[in-house]
Amino acid sequence: MSILVGFTGTLGGQDALALGDVFARTLGTDIDVLIVLPSERRVTLAPPDESYEEMVREQALAWLDQAEDVVHTRGEIAHHIRYAETPTEGLLHAVEEFRPDCLVMGGGRHGAFGTVSLSPISTSLLHASTEPVALAPRGYRERHIKKISRVTAFIGRLPSSGRIIQESTNLARRAGVPLRLVSLLPLDNYENRVEEHIGTQAAQDHAQNALAMARERLPEDIETSTELALGHTIEDATQRLSWLPDEVAMLGSSRLAAPRRLFLGSVANSILRVMPVPLIIVPREERLEL
């Protein structure tokens, strides 16, 4: 089993590498660290400058050497350079080549520090990847996390929620950590107290059913719990949750996603904007074997 880290010599790249290291140390997996460089065969108006391309490659190799100094997993660490017209294209080709259990990416430069944010590259990947994508919060490298302590899975009330339960129990079992199943309930969706009561009761019933499904898949010594988060909006409900600094969250793709593809709907985007811990997005109809 392996983790593929999309690495750059930026702070976001360091965040991604730190998260990949946490996964590897928790699960005993290997790490493939990948840098995508501009294609050597790209079409340009001027002939390619071989000395410049060699300098870029040497810089990439130097970044990869530095990356190994901060990775502490006992698994194998492999460095790779691939060429593509765009970073997104290169990463998607790498996903097909390596078939990792998870592609790990850093956040964008302009998001709030300490929360998950999207860069143009990660945004593209979240609409095209065939494998799970894990997003590191900005500044994750500074937390010095060693291992995962808990898995939180966001469960909806659609039939597809059974898939995220399956994936989250796989991860919790492999990591040997507790699993928390969370259902978010935005109260602004209801016009009166009666509708709110019915919605709350339905969410609680669904959470209990999800808990029963999870417990069937997990050993008795792994703690499993449910939590109903209430708030005016999805963002508000998410922010009312308590988070451990060394846990990870999991979220399924929208029902609009094509089979074996990722796609973030409006709810997922709302959760992502305020997420203070790493978030793993799981493709539709795809298993996460972490």
Protein backbone atom coordinates (compact mmCIF):
# COMPACT_ATOMS: atom_id res chain seq x y z
CA MET A 1 0.00 0.00 0.00
CA SER A 2 1.23 3.48 -0.75
CA ILE A 3 0.69 7.17 -0.36
CA LEU A 4 1.35 9.53 -3.27
CA VAL A 5 2.31 13.07 -2.25
CA GLY A 6 2.01 15.81 -4.82
CA PHE A 7 5.04 17.85 -3.75
CA THR A 8 6.37 21.30 -4.56
CA GLY A 9 9.04 23.42 -2.94
CA THR A 10 6.35 25.61 -1.36
CA LEU A 11 4.83 25.75 2.11
CA GLY A 12 1.77 23.94 0.74
CA GLY A 13 4.06 21.19 -0.52
CA GLN A 14 5.57 20.88 2.96
CA ASP A 15 2.07 20.61 4.44
CA ALA A 16 1.27 17.80 2.00
CA LEU A 17 4.48 15.99 2.85
CA ALA A 18 3.77 16.29 6.57
CA LEU A 19 0.32 14.76 6.10
CA GLY A 20 1.69 11.98 3.91
CA ASP A 21 4.20 11.21 6.63
CA VAL A 22 1.41 11.01 9.23
CA PHE A 23 -0.50 8.53 7.06
CA ALA A 24 2.60 6.44 6.47
CA ARG A 25 3.59 6.31 10.13
CA THR A 26 0.05 5.50 11.23
CA LEU A 27 -0.58 2.78 8.69
CA GLY A 28 2.90 1.46 7.94
CA THR A 29 2.58 2.36 4.26
CA ASP A 30 5.16 3.53 1.74
CA ILE A 31 5.38 7.05 0.32
CA ASP A 32 5.87 8.11 -3.28
CA VAL A 33 6.85 11.79 -3.46
CA LEU A 34 6.18 13.30 -6.87
CA ILE A 35 7.09 16.59 -8.53
CA VAL A 36 5.53 17.51 -11.88
CA LEU A 37 7.67 19.65 -14.20
CA PRO A 38 6.69 21.33 -17.48
CA SER A 39 6.67 18.90 -20.35
CA GLU A 40 9.93 18.61 -22.25
CA ARG A 41 7.89 18.31 -25.44
CA ARG A 42 5.65 21.33 -24.87
CA VAL A 43 5.08 23.62 -27.85
CA THR A 44 6.70 27.05 -27.46
CA LEU A 45 7.39 30.00 -29.73
CA ALA A 46 11.11 29.79 -28.96
CA PRO A 47 13.39 26.72 -28.90
CA PRO A 48 13.67 25.19 -25.42
CA ASP A 49 16.60 26.34 -23.31
CA GLU A 50 18.31 23.10 -22.28
CA SER A 51 20.39 24.80 -19.60
CA TYR A 52 17.25 26.25 -18.02
CA GLU A 53 15.44 22.91 -18.11
CA GLU A 54 18.41 21.23 -16.48
CA MET A 55 18.45 23.89 -13.76
CA VAL A 56 14.75 23.30 -13.09
CA ARG A 57 15.33 19.55 -12.85
CA GLU A 58 18.26 20.04 -10.46
CA GLN A 59 16.12 22.28 -8.27
CA ALA A 60 13.37 19.63 -8.23
CA LEU A 61 15.89 16.97 -7.22
CA ALA A 62 17.15 19.23 -4.43
CA TRP A 63 13.59 19.67 -3.13
CA LEU A 64 13.09 15.91 -3.18
CA ASP A 65 16.31 15.39 -1.21
CA GLN A 66 15.15 17.93 1.38
CA ALA A 67 11.78 16.20 1.59
CA GLU A 68 13.38 12.95 2.70
CA ASP A 69 14.96 14.73 5.67
CA VAL A 70 11.54 15.50 7.20
CA VAL A 71 9.84 12.15 6.59
CA HIS A 72 10.00 9.75 9.52
CA THR A 73 8.05 6.72 8.33
CA ARG A 74 9.71 3.31 8.50
CA GLY A 75 8.29 2.49 5.10
CA GLU A 76 10.01 3.07 1.80
CA ILE A 77 10.27 6.57 0.33
CA ALA A 78 10.55 6.89 -3.44
CA HIS A 79 11.17 10.12 -5.36
CA HIS A 80 9.71 10.74 -8.79
CA ILE A 81 9.76 13.46 -11.42
CA ARG A 82 7.16 13.46 -14.16
CA TYR A 83 6.64 15.86 -17.07
CA ALA A 84 3.28 17.17 -18.25
CA GLU A 85 1.66 20.17 -19.87
CA THR A 86 0.07 21.10 -16.53
CA PRO A 87 0.57 19.96 -12.91
CA THR A 88 -2.99 18.62 -12.81
CA GLU A 89 -2.40 16.51 -15.92
CA GLY A 90 0.83 15.17 -14.47
CA LEU A 91 -0.78 14.26 -11.14
CA LEU A 92 -3.72 12.52 -12.82
CA HIS A 93 -1.33 10.48 -14.96
CA ALA A 94 0.63 9.63 -11.81
CA VAL A 95 -2.53 8.45 -10.07
CA GLU A 96 -3.19 6.09 -12.97
CA GLU A 97 0.45 4.95 -12.92
CA PHE A 98 0.95 4.39 -9.20
CA ARG A 99 -2.63 3.58 -8.14
CA PRO A 100 -2.00 4.96 -4.64
CA ASP A 101 -4.39 4.43 -1.77
CA CYS A 102 -4.51 8.20 -1.43
CA LEU A 103 -3.19 11.29 -3.23
CA VAL A 104 -2.08 13.89 -0.69
CA MET A 105 -2.12 17.58 -1.57
CA GLY A 106 -1.40 20.85 0.20
CA GLY A 107 -3.77 23.79 0.34
CA GLY A 108 -3.92 27.06 -1.53
CA ARG A 109 -1.87 30.08 -0.56
CA HIS A 110 -4.81 32.36 0.16
CA GLY A 111 -6.99 30.29 2.49
CA ALA A 112 -7.31 30.90 6.21
CA PHE A 113 -4.33 29.60 8.17
CA GLY A 114 -5.16 26.34 9.97
CA THR A 115 -8.02 25.34 7.69
CA VAL A 116 -8.28 23.41 4.44
CA SER A 117 -8.18 25.58 1.34
CA LEU A 118 -8.16 24.78 -2.34
CA SER A 119 -5.56 25.71 -4.92
CA PRO A 120 -6.37 25.68 -8.64
CA ILE A 121 -4.58 22.32 -8.89
CA SER A 122 -6.45 20.66 -6.01
CA THR A 123 -9.74 22.07 -7.28
CA SER A 124 -9.14 20.40 -10.64
CA LEU A 125 -8.14 17.14 -8.98
CA LEU A 126 -11.31 17.10 -6.89
CA HIS A 127 -13.31 16.96 -10.10
CA ALA A 128 -11.23 14.38 -11.92
CA SER A 129 -9.26 12.01 -9.67
CA THR A 130 -10.15 8.33 -9.62
CA GLU A 131 -8.52 7.84 -6.21
CA PRO A 132 -9.14 9.46 -2.81
CA VAL A 133 -7.58 12.89 -2.34
CA ALA A 134 -6.43 14.08 1.10
CA LEU A 135 -6.09 17.82 1.67
CA ALA A 136 -3.76 19.19 4.34
CA PRO A 137 -4.75 22.39 6.18
CA ARG A 138 -2.53 25.42 5.77
CA GLY A 139 0.28 25.26 8.31
CA TYR A 140 -0.15 21.53 8.98
CA ARG A 141 3.64 21.14 8.83
CA GLU A 142 3.91 23.18 12.04
CA ARG A 143 1.68 20.87 14.08
CA HIS A 144 4.31 18.12 14.23
CA ILE A 145 1.68 15.37 14.25
CA LYS A 146 3.02 11.84 14.51
CA LYS A 147 -0.02 9.62 14.02
CA ILE A 148 -3.77 9.79 13.50
CA SER A 149 -5.75 9.65 16.74
CA ARG A 150 -9.34 9.56 15.42
CA VAL A 151 -11.33 9.33 12.20
CA THR A 152 -14.43 11.48 11.73
CA ALA A 153 -16.78 10.62 8.88
CA PHE A 154 -19.50 12.94 7.65
CA ILE A 155 -22.60 10.90 6.91
CA GLY A 156 -25.51 12.14 4.87
CA ARG A 157 -29.01 10.76 4.65
CA LEU A 158 -28.67 9.46 1.11
CA PRO A 159 -28.21 5.76 0.23
CA SER A 160 -24.62 6.55 -0.77
CA SER A 161 -23.76 7.27 2.87
CA GLY A 162 -23.20 3.56 3.30
CA ARG A 163 -20.09 3.89 1.17
CA ILE A 164 -18.45 6.51 3.38
CA ILE A 165 -19.20 4.30 6.38
CA GLN A 166 -17.40 1.46 4.65
CA GLU A 167 -14.39 3.61 3.82
CA SER A 168 -14.13 5.24 7.24
CA THR A 169 -14.35 1.91 9.05
CA ASN A 170 -11.55 0.60 6.83
CA LEU A 171 -9.34 3.51 7.83
CA ALA A 172 -10.24 3.36 11.54
CA ARG A 173 -9.58 -0.39 11.61
CA ARG A 174 -6.21 -0.07 9.89
CA ALA A 175 -5.17 2.82 12.12
CA GLY A 176 -6.61 1.23 15.28
CA VAL A 177 -8.29 4.49 16.30
CA PRO A 178 -11.84 5.54 17.29
CA LEU A 179 -14.42 6.39 14.64
CA ARG A 180 -16.86 9.28 14.99
CA LEU A 181 -19.85 9.48 12.65
CA VAL A 182 -21.14 13.03 12.27
CA SER A 183 -24.43 14.21 10.85
CA LEU A 184 -24.80 17.94 10.16
CA LEU A 185 -28.19 19.59 10.52
CA PRO A 186 -28.58 23.18 9.24
CA LEU A 187 -31.58 24.57 11.13
CA ASP A 188 -32.15 27.39 8.64
CA ASN A 189 -33.60 24.74 6.33
CA TYR A 190 -36.71 24.49 8.52
CA GLU A 191 -39.49 27.07 8.68
CA ASN A 192 -41.04 26.05 12.00
CA ARG A 193 -40.41 24.03 15.17
CA VAL A 194 -42.38 21.02 13.96
CA GLU A 195 -40.25 20.63 10.81
CA GLU A 196 -37.10 21.15 12.89
CA HIS A 197 -38.15 18.42 15.35
CA ILE A 198 -38.92 15.99 12.54
CA GLY A 199 -35.63 16.74 10.82
CA THR A 200 -33.68 16.31 14.04
CA GLN A 201 -35.34 13.01 14.83
CA ALA A 202 -34.70 11.71 11.29
CA ALA A 203 -31.03 12.69 11.56
CA GLN A 204 -30.71 10.94 14.92
CA ASP A 205 -32.35 7.79 13.59
CA HIS A 206 -30.05 7.77 10.57
CA ALA A 207 -27.02 8.26 12.81
CA GLN A 208 -28.00 5.27 14.94
CA ASN A 209 -28.42 3.10 11.86
CA ALA A 210 -25.00 4.23 10.62
CA LEU A 211 -23.51 3.43 14.04
CA ALA A 212 -24.91 -0.10 13.89
CA MET A 213 -23.42 -0.58 10.41
CA ALA A 214 -20.03 0.67 11.55
CA ARG A 215 -19.93 -1.53 14.64
CA GLU A 216 -20.59 -4.58 12.51
CA ARG A 217 -17.44 -3.80 10.53
CA LEU A 218 -15.12 -2.90 13.40
CA PRO A 219 -13.50 -4.89 16.23
CA GLU A 220 -15.07 -4.42 19.63
CA ASP A 221 -12.00 -2.64 20.99
CA ILE A 222 -12.36 0.27 18.53
CA GLU A 223 -14.63 2.92 19.98
CA THR A 224 -17.42 4.08 17.68
CA SER A 225 -19.72 7.02 18.34
CA THR A 226 -22.17 9.36 16.64
CA GLU A 227 -22.66 13.09 16.94
CA LEU A 228 -25.40 15.35 15.63
CA ALA A 229 -24.07 18.84 14.94
CA LEU A 230 -26.72 21.58 14.86
CA GLY A 231 -26.18 25.04 13.42
CA HIS A 232 -27.82 27.75 11.40
CA THR A 233 -25.87 26.65 8.33
CA ILE A 234 -23.57 23.80 7.30
CA GLU A 235 -20.54 25.96 8.09
CA ASP A 236 -21.95 26.87 11.48
CA ALA A 237 -22.74 23.24 12.36
CA THR A 238 -19.24 22.14 11.31
CA GLN A 239 -17.59 24.83 13.40
CA ARG A 240 -19.56 23.75 16.48
CA LEU A 241 -17.86 20.35 16.40
CA SER A 242 -14.84 19.75 18.61
CA TRP A 243 -11.72 18.56 16.81
CA LEU A 244 -8.58 16.79 17.96
CA PRO A 245 -5.42 18.26 16.46
CA ASP A 246 -4.28 14.86 15.17
CA GLU A 247 -7.48 13.46 13.67
CA VAL A 248 -8.62 13.30 10.06
CA ALA A 249 -12.05 13.71 8.52
CA MET A 250 -13.62 11.88 5.60
CA LEU A 251 -16.28 12.98 3.17
CA GLY A 252 -17.93 11.26 0.23
CA SER A 253 -18.38 12.73 -3.23
CA SER A 254 -21.60 14.26 -4.39
CA ARG A 255 -24.22 11.97 -5.89
CA LEU A 256 -23.66 14.00 -9.08
CA ALA A 257 -20.17 12.55 -9.40
CA ALA A 258 -19.50 10.17 -12.24
CA PRO A 259 -18.59 6.60 -11.20
CA ARG A 260 -15.03 6.38 -9.81
CA ARG A 261 -14.73 10.16 -9.87
CA LEU A 262 -14.61 12.88 -7.26
CA PHE A 263 -17.04 15.76 -7.20
CA LEU A 264 -17.71 18.30 -4.47
CA GLY A 265 -21.29 19.45 -4.04
CA SER A 266 -22.46 22.55 -2.17
CA VAL A 267 -22.50 20.80 1.22
CA ALA A 268 -18.98 19.47 0.80
CA ASN A 269 -17.69 22.88 -0.24
CA SER A 270 -19.30 24.41 2.85
CA ILE A 271 -17.63 21.84 5.11
CA LEU A 272 -14.27 22.26 3.42
CA ARG A 273 -14.15 26.03 3.95
CA VAL A 274 -14.09 25.68 7.75
CA MET A 275 -12.33 22.31 8.17
CA PRO A 276 -9.44 22.58 10.69
CA VAL A 277 -8.09 19.03 10.18
CA PRO A 278 -7.03 17.06 7.07
CA LEU A 279 -9.96 16.08 4.88
CA ILE A 280 -10.08 12.96 2.70
CA ILE A 281 -12.51 13.11 -0.22
CA VAL A 282 -13.55 9.67 -1.45
CA PRO A 283 -14.63 9.07 -5.07
CA ARG A 284 -18.02 7.71 -5.84
CA GLU A 285 -18.07 3.90 -5.96
CA GLU A 286 -14.42 3.62 -5.05
CA ARG A 287 -12.92 1.92 -2.01
CA LEU A 288 -10.30 3.51 0.19
CA GLU A 289 -7.90 0.76 1.23
CA LEU A 290 -5.74 2.78 3.61
